[in-house]
Amino acid sequence: MRETFYKYASSRSEHPLVDKHDIESALEAWHMYWVALEWLFILSSFGILPAFAGSDWLLIIFWIASMCALLFMHLRYGLLERRVDPQIQQIAGNAEANRKAFAESAA
C-alpha cells in the first residue's frame, strides 16, 4: 500500500497524483467509519456492565445503540468503496506510477 497507493494519494503531499478533493472525500468517509467502530466498541464494552448488574432495560438500550452503530458502519462501507475508486483509477491511469510501482514490487 505504501508503494502503490499512499505514495500517490497522500494528503500531506504538495502535488499528489490523485486529486486532493478525492483524497479529502475518502478521508472524511473513513473518518466517520472509524468513529462508528469506536462507538460500537465502547457501547459493547459498557453493555456488559448491565448484564452483570441485572438491568435488562439498560442492556436492551446498549444493545440497540450498538446495533445502530453496526448498521451505520454497514451502510457507510459501500460509500468507502465509491470514494476510493476514483483514486485507484487515477493511479492506474498514470503510466509512470504503474511502471514505478510494479517495477519496485517485482524487484
Protein backbone atom coordinates (compact mmCIF):
# COMPACT_ATOMS: atom_id res chain seq x y z
CA MET A 1 0.00 0.00 0.00
CA ARG A 2 2.78 2.39 0.88
CA GLU A 3 4.50 1.99 -2.52
CA THR A 4 1.47 1.59 -4.77
CA PHE A 5 -1.21 3.79 -3.19
CA TYR A 6 -0.11 6.11 -0.37
CA LYS A 7 2.82 7.38 -2.40
CA TYR A 8 0.39 8.88 -4.96
CA ALA A 9 -2.65 9.61 -2.76
CA SER A 10 -1.06 11.32 0.23
CA SER A 11 -3.00 14.15 1.82
CA ARG A 12 0.30 15.67 3.00
CA SER A 13 1.93 15.88 -0.42
CA GLU A 14 2.02 19.30 -2.12
CA HIS A 15 1.23 17.85 -5.56
CA PRO A 16 -0.26 14.36 -5.26
CA LEU A 17 -1.09 12.38 -8.37
CA VAL A 18 -4.66 11.97 -7.12
CA ASP A 19 -6.98 14.98 -6.96
CA LYS A 20 -6.94 16.47 -3.45
CA HIS A 21 -10.74 16.60 -3.38
CA ASP A 22 -10.88 12.82 -3.88
CA ILE A 23 -8.34 12.30 -1.10
CA GLU A 24 -10.21 14.53 1.35
CA SER A 25 -13.55 12.94 0.44
CA ALA A 26 -12.19 9.45 1.12
CA LEU A 27 -10.56 10.55 4.38
CA GLU A 28 -13.85 12.02 5.57
CA ALA A 29 -15.69 8.80 4.72
CA TRP A 30 -13.11 6.65 6.54
CA HIS A 31 -13.15 9.02 9.50
CA MET A 32 -16.88 8.51 10.03
CA TYR A 33 -16.47 4.73 9.67
CA TRP A 34 -13.76 4.60 12.35
CA VAL A 35 -15.77 6.82 14.69
CA ALA A 36 -18.69 4.40 14.37
CA LEU A 37 -16.35 1.47 15.03
CA GLU A 38 -15.06 3.14 18.19
CA TRP A 39 -18.63 3.77 19.35
CA LEU A 40 -19.51 0.15 18.67
CA PHE A 41 -16.60 -0.98 20.83
CA ILE A 42 -17.44 1.45 23.64
CA LEU A 43 -21.14 0.61 23.63
CA SER A 44 -20.43 -3.11 23.54
CA SER A 45 -17.95 -2.80 26.40
CA PHE A 46 -20.34 -0.83 28.57
CA GLY A 47 -23.17 -3.16 27.57
CA ILE A 48 -21.52 -5.90 29.62
CA LEU A 49 -21.99 -3.94 32.88
CA PRO A 50 -25.83 -4.01 32.86
CA ALA A 51 -25.70 -7.74 32.20
CA PHE A 52 -23.79 -8.27 35.45
CA ALA A 53 -25.96 -5.77 37.33
CA GLY A 54 -29.15 -7.48 36.19
CA SER A 55 -30.56 -4.37 34.48
CA ASP A 56 -32.43 -5.75 31.48
CA TRP A 57 -33.74 -2.42 30.19
CA LEU A 58 -30.27 -0.82 30.23
CA LEU A 59 -28.84 -3.89 28.49
CA ILE A 60 -31.50 -3.51 25.77
CA ILE A 61 -30.64 0.18 25.33
CA PHE A 62 -26.93 -0.59 24.91
CA TRP A 63 -27.76 -3.43 22.51
CA ILE A 64 -29.99 -1.19 20.35
CA ALA A 65 -27.36 1.56 20.31
CA SER A 66 -24.68 -0.99 19.33
CA MET A 67 -26.85 -2.31 16.51
CA CYS A 68 -27.41 1.25 15.26
CA ALA A 69 -23.64 1.80 15.15
CA LEU A 70 -23.20 -1.52 13.34
CA LEU A 71 -25.91 -0.63 10.81
CA PHE A 72 -24.29 2.77 10.23
CA MET A 73 -20.95 1.06 9.58
CA HIS A 74 -22.56 -1.42 7.19
CA LEU A 75 -24.27 1.36 5.22
CA ARG A 76 -21.13 3.51 5.25
CA TYR A 77 -18.91 0.72 3.87
CA GLY A 78 -20.49 0.98 0.41
CA LEU A 79 -19.61 4.67 0.36
CA LEU A 80 -15.99 3.86 1.20
CA GLU A 81 -15.62 1.76 -1.92
CA ARG A 82 -17.13 4.51 -4.09
CA ARG A 83 -14.80 7.12 -2.60
CA VAL A 84 -11.61 5.11 -3.15
CA ASP A 85 -12.40 4.03 -6.74
CA PRO A 86 -11.59 7.44 -8.31
CA GLN A 87 -8.21 7.42 -6.54
CA ILE A 88 -7.40 3.94 -7.81
CA GLN A 89 -8.46 4.87 -11.33
CA GLN A 90 -6.24 7.97 -11.31
CA ILE A 91 -3.24 5.98 -10.13
CA ALA A 92 -3.91 3.10 -12.53
CA GLY A 93 -4.35 5.55 -15.42
CA ASN A 94 -0.90 7.06 -14.91
CA ALA A 95 1.73 5.11 -16.84
CA GLU A 96 4.66 6.41 -14.80
CA ALA A 97 3.01 5.46 -11.50
CA ASN A 98 2.26 1.97 -12.79
CA ARG A 99 5.78 1.46 -14.09
CA LYS A 100 7.40 2.62 -10.82
CA ALA A 101 5.04 0.73 -8.54
CA PHE A 102 5.24 -2.56 -10.36
CA ALA A 103 8.97 -2.32 -11.10
CA GLU A 104 9.68 -1.81 -7.37
CA SER A 105 7.37 -4.62 -6.29
CA ALA A 106 8.86 -7.05 -8.82
CA ALA A 107 12.42 -6.36 -7.64
